C-alpha atoms as a PDB file:
ATOM      1  CA  MET A   1       0.012  -0.019  -0.040  1.00  0.00           C
ATOM      2  CA  ALA A   2       1.307   3.447  -0.918  1.00  0.00           C
ATOM      3  CA  MET A   3       1.389   6.294   1.632  1.00  0.00           C
ATOM      4  CA  ILE A   4       0.494   9.718   0.234  1.00  0.00           C
ATOM      5  CA  GLU A   5       1.406  12.966   2.087  1.00  0.00           C
ATOM      6  CA  VAL A   6      -1.252  15.499   1.852  1.00  0.00           C
ATOM      7  CA  THR A   7      -0.020  19.027   1.881  1.00  0.00           C
ATOM      8  CA  SER A   8      -1.528  22.464   2.697  1.00  0.00           C
ATOM      9  CA  VAL A   9      -2.178  24.574  -0.437  1.00  0.00           C
ATOM     10  CA  VAL A  10      -2.031  27.924   1.577  1.00  0.00           C
ATOM     11  CA  THR A  11      -0.520  29.465   4.437  1.00  0.00           C
ATOM     12  CA  GLY A  12      -2.973  29.927   7.311  1.00  0.00           C
ATOM     13  CA  SER A  13      -4.457  27.958  10.301  1.00  0.00           C
ATOM     14  CA  VAL A  14      -6.296  24.731  10.795  1.00  0.00           C
ATOM     15  CA  TRP A  15      -9.950  25.793  11.492  1.00  0.00           C
ATOM     16  CA  LYS A  16     -11.724  22.537  11.653  1.00  0.00           C
ATOM     17  CA  ILE A  17     -10.629  18.770  11.273  1.00  0.00           C
ATOM     18  CA  GLU A  18     -13.406  16.880   9.588  1.00  0.00           C
ATOM     19  CA  ALA A  19     -11.908  13.347   9.399  1.00  0.00           C
ATOM     20  CA  SER A  20     -10.546  10.886  12.005  1.00  0.00           C
ATOM     21  CA  ILE A  21      -7.679   8.452  11.887  1.00  0.00           C
ATOM     22  CA  GLY A  22      -8.677   5.158  10.295  1.00  0.00           C
ATOM     23  CA  GLN A  23     -11.616   6.701   8.311  1.00  0.00           C
ATOM     24  CA  ARG A  24     -12.007   5.651   4.801  1.00  0.00           C
ATOM     25  CA  LEU A  25     -12.210   8.818   2.471  1.00  0.00           C
ATOM     26  CA  GLU A  26     -13.467   8.834  -1.040  1.00  0.00           C
ATOM     27  CA  PRO A  27     -12.041  11.074  -3.852  1.00  0.00           C
ATOM     28  CA  GLY A  28     -13.092  14.635  -3.171  1.00  0.00           C
ATOM     29  CA  GLU A  29     -13.770  14.246   0.501  1.00  0.00           C
ATOM     30  CA  SER A  30     -12.443  16.952   2.866  1.00  0.00           C
ATOM     31  CA  ILE A  31      -9.904  15.993   5.692  1.00  0.00           C
ATOM     32  CA  MET A  32      -9.911  19.490   7.251  1.00  0.00           C
ATOM     33  CA  ILE A  33     -10.626  23.130   6.531  1.00  0.00           C
ATOM     34  CA  LEU A  34      -7.988  25.785   6.623  1.00  0.00           C
ATOM     35  CA  GLU A  35      -8.598  29.391   7.271  1.00  0.00           C
ATOM     36  CA  SER A  36      -6.507  32.041   5.509  1.00  0.00           C
ATOM     37  CA  MET A  37      -7.382  35.734   5.258  1.00  0.00           C
ATOM     38  CA  LYS A  38     -10.839  34.981   6.388  1.00  0.00           C
ATOM     39  CA  MET A  39     -11.381  32.298   3.631  1.00  0.00           C
ATOM     40  CA  GLU A  40     -12.208  28.689   4.331  1.00  0.00           C
ATOM     41  CA  ILE A  41     -10.176  26.256   2.166  1.00  0.00           C
ATOM     42  CA  PRO A  42     -10.900  22.614   2.211  1.00  0.00           C
ATOM     43  CA  VAL A  43      -8.023  20.129   2.225  1.00  0.00           C
ATOM     44  CA  ILE A  44      -9.413  17.260  -0.013  1.00  0.00           C
ATOM     45  CA  VAL A  45      -8.359  13.712  -0.930  1.00  0.00           C
ATOM     46  CA  GLU A  46      -7.702  13.300  -4.615  1.00  0.00           C
ATOM     47  CA  ASP A  47      -7.574   9.626  -5.084  1.00  0.00           C
ATOM     48  CA  GLY A  48      -9.319   8.332  -1.771  1.00  0.00           C
ATOM     49  CA  GLY A  49      -7.842   6.062   0.874  1.00  0.00           C
ATOM     50  CA  THR A  50      -7.618   5.620   4.581  1.00  0.00           C
ATOM     51  CA  LEU A  51      -6.465   8.400   6.876  1.00  0.00           C
ATOM     52  CA  ARG A  52      -3.444   7.014   8.695  1.00  0.00           C
ATOM     53  CA  GLU A  53      -1.958  10.203  10.299  1.00  0.00           C
ATOM     54  CA  LEU A  54      -2.939  13.812  11.108  1.00  0.00           C
ATOM     55  CA  ARG A  55       0.200  16.039  11.520  1.00  0.00           C
ATOM     56  CA  VAL A  56      -1.633  19.017  12.774  1.00  0.00           C
ATOM     57  CA  ALA A  57      -4.426  19.996  15.161  1.00  0.00           C
ATOM     58  CA  GLU A  58      -7.265  22.554  15.177  1.00  0.00           C
ATOM     59  CA  GLY A  59      -5.851  25.998  15.690  1.00  0.00           C
ATOM     60  CA  VAL A  60      -2.316  25.296  14.520  1.00  0.00           C
ATOM     61  CA  ALA A  61      -0.602  27.504  12.028  1.00  0.00           C
ATOM     62  CA  VAL A  62       0.437  25.854   8.781  1.00  0.00           C
ATOM     63  CA  THR A  63       2.514  26.981   5.812  1.00  0.00           C
ATOM     64  CA  GLU A  64       1.978  26.443   1.996  1.00  0.00           C
ATOM     65  CA  GLY A  65       3.381  22.968   1.213  1.00  0.00           C
ATOM     66  CA  GLN A  66       3.424  21.608   4.715  1.00  0.00           C
ATOM     67  CA  VAL A  67       2.423  18.008   5.223  1.00  0.00           C
ATOM     68  CA  VAL A  68      -0.792  18.030   7.213  1.00  0.00           C
ATOM     69  CA  ALA A  69      -1.902  14.323   6.880  1.00  0.00           C
ATOM     70  CA  VAL A  70      -0.932  10.880   5.487  1.00  0.00           C
ATOM     71  CA  ILE A  71      -3.359   8.738   3.438  1.00  0.00           C
ATOM     72  CA  GLU A  72      -2.853   5.037   2.685  1.00  0.00           C
ATOM     73  CA  GLU A  73      -4.172   4.115  -0.749  1.00  0.00           C
END
Protein backbone atom coordinates (compact mmCIF):
# COMPACT_ATOMS: atom_id res chain seq x y z
CA MET A 1 0.00 0.00 0.00
CA ALA A 2 1.26 3.45 -0.93
CA MET A 3 1.40 6.25 1.62
CA ILE A 4 0.52 9.67 0.27
CA GLU A 5 1.43 12.89 2.05
CA VAL A 6 -1.33 15.50 1.86
CA THR A 7 -0.06 19.08 1.90
CA SER A 8 -1.52 22.49 2.66
CA VAL A 9 -2.22 24.60 -0.42
CA VAL A 10 -2.07 27.89 1.54
CA THR A 11 -0.45 29.50 4.56
CA GLY A 12 -3.02 29.89 7.33
CA SER A 13 -4.38 27.94 10.26
CA VAL A 14 -6.34 24.74 10.77
CA TRP A 15 -9.90 25.85 11.40
CA LYS A 16 -11.64 22.46 11.62
CA ILE A 17 -10.63 18.80 11.27
CA GLU A 18 -13.40 16.83 9.58
CA ALA A 19 -11.93 13.31 9.37
CA SER A 20 -10.55 10.90 11.95
CA ILE A 21 -7.67 8.43 11.93
CA GLY A 22 -8.68 5.16 10.29
CA GLN A 23 -11.55 6.73 8.36
CA ARG A 24 -11.98 5.65 4.73
CA LEU A 25 -12.19 8.73 2.50
CA GLU A 26 -13.56 8.82 -1.02
CA PRO A 27 -12.02 11.02 -3.74
CA GLY A 28 -13.04 14.63 -3.20
CA GLU A 29 -13.80 14.28 0.53
CA SER A 30 -12.41 16.87 2.92
CA ILE A 31 -9.90 16.02 5.65
CA MET A 32 -9.85 19.48 7.20
CA ILE A 33 -10.64 23.11 6.55
CA LEU A 34 -7.92 25.74 6.62
CA GLU A 35 -8.56 29.42 7.27
CA SER A 36 -6.51 32.01 5.44
CA MET A 37 -7.36 35.70 5.17
CA LYS A 38 -10.90 34.96 6.42
CA MET A 39 -11.45 32.39 3.65
CA GLU A 40 -12.17 28.71 4.31
CA ILE A 41 -10.14 26.32 2.13
CA PRO A 42 -10.87 22.58 2.29
CA VAL A 43 -8.01 20.07 2.15
CA ILE A 44 -9.40 17.28 0.01
CA VAL A 45 -8.38 13.73 -0.85
CA GLU A 46 -7.73 13.40 -4.57
CA ASP A 47 -7.61 9.62 -5.01
CA GLY A 48 -9.27 8.32 -1.85
CA GLY A 49 -7.80 6.11 0.83
CA THR A 50 -7.62 5.59 4.58
CA LEU A 51 -6.48 8.43 6.84
CA ARG A 52 -3.45 7.09 8.72
CA GLU A 53 -1.98 10.21 10.31
CA LEU A 54 -2.89 13.81 11.12
CA ARG A 55 0.19 15.98 11.55
CA VAL A 56 -1.67 19.09 12.73
CA ALA A 57 -4.42 19.99 15.19
CA GLU A 58 -7.20 22.58 15.16
CA GLY A 59 -5.86 26.09 15.71
CA VAL A 60 -2.32 25.27 14.54
CA ALA A 61 -0.63 27.52 11.97
CA VAL A 62 0.44 25.86 8.70
CA THR A 63 2.54 26.97 5.75
CA GLU A 64 1.97 26.34 2.07
CA GLY A 65 3.36 22.91 1.15
CA GLN A 66 3.45 21.63 4.74
CA VAL A 67 2.43 17.99 5.17
CA VAL A 68 -0.80 17.99 7.20
CA ALA A 69 -1.92 14.35 6.84
CA VAL A 70 -0.93 10.94 5.50
CA ILE A 71 -3.32 8.77 3.48
CA GLU A 72 -2.86 5.07 2.67
CA GLU A 73 -4.20 4.10 -0.75
